[in-house]
Amino acid sequence: MKRPYRGSTLPPVKTKAVGYVGLKFQDDLSRLVYIVNAEDVGNVTGIYIYQRDRNHNGTIVLDLLNGTRPIKKNAEKLVNTTEEGKITGTISIGGAKKSELQGPLKDKSLSELHM
């Protein structure tokens, strides 16, 4: 059943854009390793993991586009841009630690990310 737009949620957008994300915890749960790929996406301003709540879109708990996080050794962001400014490729790759959790998960373990 489709929910009506009530101002507290984002309205749907028609787009050909597609995004893919791969997430994996290290065995000791000390790090969340990720890769984010996109096809035909424009103007990427953020890539977030949200904690869902009943009344809103949710609260950001982890920023996967954090520019201060180092990229894994020997890994590259492979991005192509079309004439229209649309991006295709790997737009974010790396790993996050529990110290980077935000909002209601700040100071908690990465295991609190229920995926």
N, C-alpha and C. Protein backbone atom coordinates (compact mmCIF):
# COMPACT_ATOMS: atom_id res chain seq x y z
N MET A 1 0.84 -1.17 0.00
CA MET A 1 0.00 0.00 0.00
C MET A 1 0.89 1.24 0.00
N LYS A 2 0.64 2.16 -0.89
CA LYS A 2 1.43 3.38 -1.00
C LYS A 2 0.96 4.41 0.03
N ARG A 3 1.93 4.95 0.79
CA ARG A 3 1.61 5.96 1.79
C ARG A 3 1.48 7.32 1.11
N PRO A 4 0.54 8.13 1.53
CA PRO A 4 0.44 9.49 0.98
C PRO A 4 1.57 10.36 1.50
N TYR A 5 1.95 11.36 0.72
CA TYR A 5 2.97 12.30 1.13
C TYR A 5 2.39 13.21 2.21
N ARG A 6 3.04 13.25 3.37
CA ARG A 6 2.53 14.03 4.50
C ARG A 6 3.50 15.13 4.92
N GLY A 7 4.46 15.43 4.10
CA GLY A 7 5.40 16.49 4.45
C GLY A 7 6.56 16.01 5.29
N SER A 8 6.43 14.94 6.04
CA SER A 8 7.52 14.45 6.86
C SER A 8 8.27 13.31 6.16
N THR A 9 7.79 12.90 5.01
CA THR A 9 8.48 11.89 4.23
C THR A 9 8.80 12.48 2.86
N LEU A 10 9.75 11.87 2.18
CA LEU A 10 10.13 12.36 0.87
C LEU A 10 9.16 11.86 -0.19
N PRO A 11 8.76 12.74 -1.11
CA PRO A 11 7.86 12.30 -2.18
C PRO A 11 8.63 11.46 -3.19
N PRO A 12 7.96 10.57 -3.92
CA PRO A 12 8.64 9.75 -4.92
C PRO A 12 9.14 10.61 -6.08
N VAL A 13 10.20 10.15 -6.72
CA VAL A 13 10.79 10.85 -7.85
C VAL A 13 10.94 9.85 -8.99
N LYS A 14 10.54 10.24 -10.21
CA LYS A 14 10.74 9.38 -11.37
C LYS A 14 12.16 9.57 -11.88
N THR A 15 12.89 8.48 -12.01
CA THR A 15 14.27 8.55 -12.44
C THR A 15 14.70 7.22 -13.05
N LYS A 16 15.70 7.27 -13.89
CA LYS A 16 16.32 6.06 -14.44
C LYS A 16 17.51 5.64 -13.59
N ALA A 17 17.85 6.44 -12.60
CA ALA A 17 19.01 6.19 -11.76
C ALA A 17 18.83 4.91 -10.94
N VAL A 18 19.95 4.22 -10.75
CA VAL A 18 19.96 2.98 -9.96
C VAL A 18 21.20 3.02 -9.07
N GLY A 19 21.05 2.57 -7.85
CA GLY A 19 22.18 2.50 -6.94
C GLY A 19 22.29 1.12 -6.34
N TYR A 20 23.52 0.72 -6.08
CA TYR A 20 23.81 -0.59 -5.49
C TYR A 20 24.77 -0.38 -4.33
N VAL A 21 24.54 -1.08 -3.25
CA VAL A 21 25.45 -0.98 -2.11
C VAL A 21 25.79 -2.38 -1.63
N GLY A 22 27.05 -2.58 -1.30
CA GLY A 22 27.51 -3.83 -0.69
C GLY A 22 28.02 -3.52 0.70
N LEU A 23 27.53 -4.24 1.68
CA LEU A 23 27.92 -4.02 3.08
C LEU A 23 28.38 -5.34 3.68
N LYS A 24 29.47 -5.30 4.44
CA LYS A 24 29.97 -6.51 5.09
C LYS A 24 30.69 -6.12 6.37
N PHE A 25 30.36 -6.80 7.46
CA PHE A 25 31.08 -6.59 8.71
C PHE A 25 32.35 -7.42 8.71
N GLN A 26 33.43 -6.88 9.31
CA GLN A 26 34.58 -7.71 9.58
C GLN A 26 34.15 -8.73 10.63
N ASP A 27 34.84 -9.85 10.70
CA ASP A 27 34.44 -10.94 11.61
C ASP A 27 34.26 -10.49 13.06
N ASP A 28 35.09 -9.55 13.52
CA ASP A 28 34.98 -9.11 14.91
C ASP A 28 34.02 -7.92 15.09
N LEU A 29 33.30 -7.56 14.05
CA LEU A 29 32.33 -6.46 14.06
C LEU A 29 32.95 -5.10 14.39
N SER A 30 34.26 -4.97 14.20
CA SER A 30 34.92 -3.71 14.51
C SER A 30 34.87 -2.71 13.35
N ARG A 31 34.46 -3.19 12.19
CA ARG A 31 34.45 -2.33 11.00
C ARG A 31 33.38 -2.80 10.04
N LEU A 32 32.68 -1.85 9.42
CA LEU A 32 31.71 -2.13 8.38
C LEU A 32 32.35 -1.71 7.06
N VAL A 33 32.58 -2.66 6.18
CA VAL A 33 33.20 -2.40 4.89
C VAL A 33 32.09 -2.23 3.87
N TYR A 34 32.24 -1.26 2.97
CA TYR A 34 31.16 -0.98 2.03
C TYR A 34 31.70 -0.54 0.67
N ILE A 35 30.84 -0.69 -0.32
CA ILE A 35 31.06 -0.15 -1.66
C ILE A 35 29.71 0.32 -2.18
N VAL A 36 29.70 1.49 -2.78
CA VAL A 36 28.46 2.06 -3.32
C VAL A 36 28.69 2.35 -4.80
N ASN A 37 27.86 1.76 -5.64
CA ASN A 37 27.91 1.97 -7.08
C ASN A 37 26.60 2.60 -7.53
N ALA A 38 26.68 3.39 -8.58
CA ALA A 38 25.50 4.06 -9.09
C ALA A 38 25.53 4.08 -10.62
N GLU A 39 24.35 4.16 -11.19
CA GLU A 39 24.21 4.31 -12.64
C GLU A 39 23.26 5.46 -12.90
N ASP A 40 23.72 6.43 -13.68
CA ASP A 40 22.89 7.53 -14.15
C ASP A 40 22.35 8.39 -13.00
N VAL A 41 23.22 8.68 -12.02
CA VAL A 41 22.84 9.48 -10.86
C VAL A 41 23.48 10.87 -11.01
N GLY A 42 22.73 11.89 -10.67
CA GLY A 42 23.28 13.24 -10.73
C GLY A 42 23.38 13.87 -9.37
N ASN A 43 24.38 14.72 -9.18
CA ASN A 43 24.52 15.54 -7.99
C ASN A 43 24.42 14.76 -6.68
N VAL A 44 25.34 13.83 -6.46
CA VAL A 44 25.35 13.05 -5.22
C VAL A 44 25.87 13.94 -4.10
N THR A 45 25.03 14.17 -3.10
CA THR A 45 25.40 15.02 -1.98
C THR A 45 25.53 14.25 -0.68
N GLY A 46 25.09 13.02 -0.66
CA GLY A 46 25.19 12.21 0.55
C GLY A 46 24.80 10.78 0.29
N ILE A 47 25.39 9.88 1.05
CA ILE A 47 25.05 8.47 1.03
C ILE A 47 24.96 8.05 2.50
N TYR A 48 23.76 7.77 2.95
CA TYR A 48 23.54 7.55 4.37
C TYR A 48 22.88 6.21 4.66
N ILE A 49 23.17 5.70 5.86
CA ILE A 49 22.39 4.61 6.43
C ILE A 49 21.52 5.26 7.50
N TYR A 50 20.23 4.97 7.43
CA TYR A 50 19.26 5.55 8.35
C TYR A 50 18.74 4.49 9.32
N GLN A 51 18.38 4.94 10.51
CA GLN A 51 17.63 4.09 11.42
C GLN A 51 16.17 4.50 11.24
N ARG A 52 15.37 3.56 10.87
CA ARG A 52 13.96 3.83 10.57
C ARG A 52 13.19 4.16 11.85
N ASP A 53 12.24 5.06 11.69
CA ASP A 53 11.28 5.29 12.76
C ASP A 53 9.89 5.29 12.14
N ARG A 54 8.88 5.24 12.96
CA ARG A 54 7.50 5.05 12.48
C ARG A 54 6.91 6.28 11.79
N ASN A 55 7.35 7.47 12.13
CA ASN A 55 6.67 8.67 11.67
C ASN A 55 7.43 9.48 10.63
N HIS A 56 8.68 9.18 10.38
CA HIS A 56 9.49 9.98 9.49
C HIS A 56 10.33 9.10 8.58
N ASN A 57 11.22 9.72 7.81
CA ASN A 57 12.12 8.98 6.94
C ASN A 57 13.16 8.21 7.74
N GLY A 58 13.42 8.62 8.94
CA GLY A 58 14.42 8.00 9.78
C GLY A 58 15.49 8.99 10.16
N THR A 59 16.45 8.52 10.93
CA THR A 59 17.53 9.35 11.42
C THR A 59 18.85 8.82 10.87
N ILE A 60 19.70 9.71 10.38
CA ILE A 60 21.00 9.29 9.86
C ILE A 60 21.82 8.71 11.00
N VAL A 61 22.38 7.50 10.76
CA VAL A 61 23.26 6.89 11.75
C VAL A 61 24.67 6.67 11.22
N LEU A 62 24.85 6.72 9.88
CA LEU A 62 26.18 6.56 9.31
C LEU A 62 26.24 7.21 7.94
N ASP A 63 27.29 7.98 7.71
CA ASP A 63 27.53 8.68 6.45
C ASP A 63 28.56 7.89 5.66
N LEU A 64 28.15 7.32 4.52
CA LEU A 64 29.07 6.53 3.69
C LEU A 64 29.82 7.38 2.67
N LEU A 65 29.55 8.67 2.63
CA LEU A 65 30.25 9.55 1.71
C LEU A 65 31.21 10.46 2.48
N ASN A 66 31.49 10.11 3.70
CA ASN A 66 32.36 10.89 4.57
C ASN A 66 33.73 11.05 3.92
N GLY A 67 34.06 12.28 3.52
CA GLY A 67 35.31 12.54 2.83
C GLY A 67 36.54 12.41 3.68
N THR A 68 36.41 12.34 5.00
CA THR A 68 37.59 12.23 5.86
C THR A 68 38.03 10.79 6.07
N ARG A 69 37.21 9.82 5.67
CA ARG A 69 37.53 8.42 5.87
C ARG A 69 38.50 7.97 4.76
N PRO A 70 39.61 7.32 5.10
CA PRO A 70 40.54 6.90 4.06
C PRO A 70 39.96 5.78 3.19
N ILE A 71 40.34 5.80 1.92
CA ILE A 71 39.94 4.73 1.00
C ILE A 71 40.90 3.56 1.18
N LYS A 72 40.37 2.36 1.11
CA LYS A 72 41.17 1.15 1.28
C LYS A 72 42.36 1.17 0.31
N LYS A 73 43.49 0.71 0.79
CA LYS A 73 44.71 0.66 -0.03
C LYS A 73 44.44 -0.14 -1.31
N ASN A 74 44.94 0.35 -2.42
CA ASN A 74 44.79 -0.27 -3.75
C ASN A 74 43.36 -0.25 -4.28
N ALA A 75 42.47 0.52 -3.66
CA ALA A 75 41.09 0.66 -4.16
C ALA A 75 40.94 2.05 -4.75
N GLU A 76 40.13 2.16 -5.77
CA GLU A 76 39.92 3.44 -6.42
C GLU A 76 38.43 3.70 -6.60
N LYS A 77 38.08 4.98 -6.59
CA LYS A 77 36.74 5.36 -7.00
C LYS A 77 36.77 5.42 -8.53
N LEU A 78 35.95 4.66 -9.18
CA LEU A 78 35.92 4.61 -10.64
C LEU A 78 34.61 5.23 -11.10
N VAL A 79 34.67 6.48 -11.51
CA VAL A 79 33.46 7.21 -11.85
C VAL A 79 33.57 7.78 -13.25
N ASN A 80 32.53 7.61 -14.02
CA ASN A 80 32.40 8.24 -15.33
C ASN A 80 31.26 9.24 -15.24
N THR A 81 31.43 10.37 -15.89
CA THR A 81 30.39 11.40 -15.91
C THR A 81 29.96 11.65 -17.35
N THR A 82 28.64 11.65 -17.57
CA THR A 82 28.11 11.90 -18.91
C THR A 82 28.10 13.40 -19.20
N GLU A 83 27.81 13.76 -20.43
CA GLU A 83 27.72 15.17 -20.81
C GLU A 83 26.63 15.89 -20.01
N GLU A 84 25.59 15.17 -19.60
CA GLU A 84 24.50 15.76 -18.82
C GLU A 84 24.85 15.87 -17.34
N GLY A 85 26.04 15.40 -16.95
CA GLY A 85 26.45 15.47 -15.55
C GLY A 85 26.02 14.29 -14.72
N LYS A 86 25.53 13.23 -15.35
CA LYS A 86 25.12 12.03 -14.61
C LYS A 86 26.34 11.16 -14.32
N ILE A 87 26.36 10.56 -13.15
CA ILE A 87 27.50 9.76 -12.69
C ILE A 87 27.18 8.28 -12.79
N THR A 88 28.15 7.50 -13.23
CA THR A 88 28.06 6.04 -13.25
C THR A 88 29.37 5.48 -12.73
N GLY A 89 29.29 4.55 -11.79
CA GLY A 89 30.51 3.91 -11.29
C GLY A 89 30.51 3.79 -9.79
N THR A 90 31.71 3.53 -9.24
CA THR A 90 31.89 3.40 -7.79
C THR A 90 32.04 4.80 -7.22
N ILE A 91 31.05 5.22 -6.43
CA ILE A 91 31.09 6.58 -5.89
C ILE A 91 31.56 6.64 -4.44
N SER A 92 31.60 5.50 -3.78
CA SER A 92 32.12 5.47 -2.42
C SER A 92 32.57 4.05 -2.09
N ILE A 93 33.73 3.96 -1.46
CA ILE A 93 34.26 2.66 -1.05
C ILE A 93 35.10 2.88 0.19
N GLY A 94 34.98 1.99 1.16
CA GLY A 94 35.78 2.15 2.36
C GLY A 94 35.28 1.30 3.51
N GLY A 95 35.60 1.76 4.71
CA GLY A 95 35.19 1.06 5.92
C GLY A 95 34.89 2.07 7.02
N ALA A 96 33.94 1.76 7.86
CA ALA A 96 33.53 2.65 8.94
C ALA A 96 33.69 1.95 10.29
N LYS A 97 34.07 2.72 11.30
CA LYS A 97 34.22 2.21 12.66
C LYS A 97 33.09 2.72 13.54
N LYS A 98 32.94 2.12 14.71
CA LYS A 98 31.84 2.50 15.60
C LYS A 98 31.91 3.96 16.02
N SER A 99 33.09 4.53 16.05
CA SER A 99 33.24 5.93 16.44
C SER A 99 32.58 6.88 15.43
N GLU A 100 32.22 6.38 14.24
CA GLU A 100 31.60 7.21 13.21
C GLU A 100 30.07 7.14 13.24
N LEU A 101 29.51 6.32 14.11
CA LEU A 101 28.06 6.26 14.22
C LEU A 101 27.53 7.58 14.76
N GLN A 102 26.33 7.95 14.30
CA GLN A 102 25.71 9.22 14.66
C GLN A 102 24.32 8.98 15.25
N GLY A 103 23.70 10.05 15.66
CA GLY A 103 22.31 9.99 16.12
C GLY A 103 22.12 9.02 17.25
N PRO A 104 21.04 8.23 17.21
CA PRO A 104 20.73 7.33 18.31
C PRO A 104 21.74 6.19 18.49
N LEU A 105 22.63 5.98 17.51
CA LEU A 105 23.63 4.92 17.64
C LEU A 105 25.00 5.44 18.05
N LYS A 106 25.12 6.75 18.28
CA LYS A 106 26.40 7.33 18.70
C LYS A 106 26.87 6.64 19.97
N ASP A 107 28.15 6.29 20.00
CA ASP A 107 28.80 5.61 21.13
C ASP A 107 28.32 4.18 21.33
N LYS A 108 27.64 3.61 20.35
CA LYS A 108 27.19 2.21 20.44
C LYS A 108 28.04 1.35 19.52
N SER A 109 27.83 0.06 19.56
CA SER A 109 28.57 -0.89 18.74
C SER A 109 28.01 -0.93 17.32
N LEU A 110 28.86 -1.25 16.34
CA LEU A 110 28.39 -1.43 14.97
C LEU A 110 27.33 -2.53 14.87
N SER A 111 27.35 -3.47 15.82
CA SER A 111 26.35 -4.55 15.79
C SER A 111 24.94 -4.01 15.98
N GLU A 112 24.81 -2.76 16.43
CA GLU A 112 23.50 -2.14 16.60
C GLU A 112 22.84 -1.82 15.25
N LEU A 113 23.62 -1.86 14.18
CA LEU A 113 23.05 -1.63 12.85
C LEU A 113 22.28 -2.89 12.44
N HIS A 114 20.99 -2.87 12.59
CA HIS A 114 20.17 -4.03 12.24
C HIS A 114 19.82 -3.94 10.78
N MET A 115 20.47 -4.76 9.96
CA MET A 115 20.24 -4.70 8.51
C MET A 115 19.49 -5.90 8.06
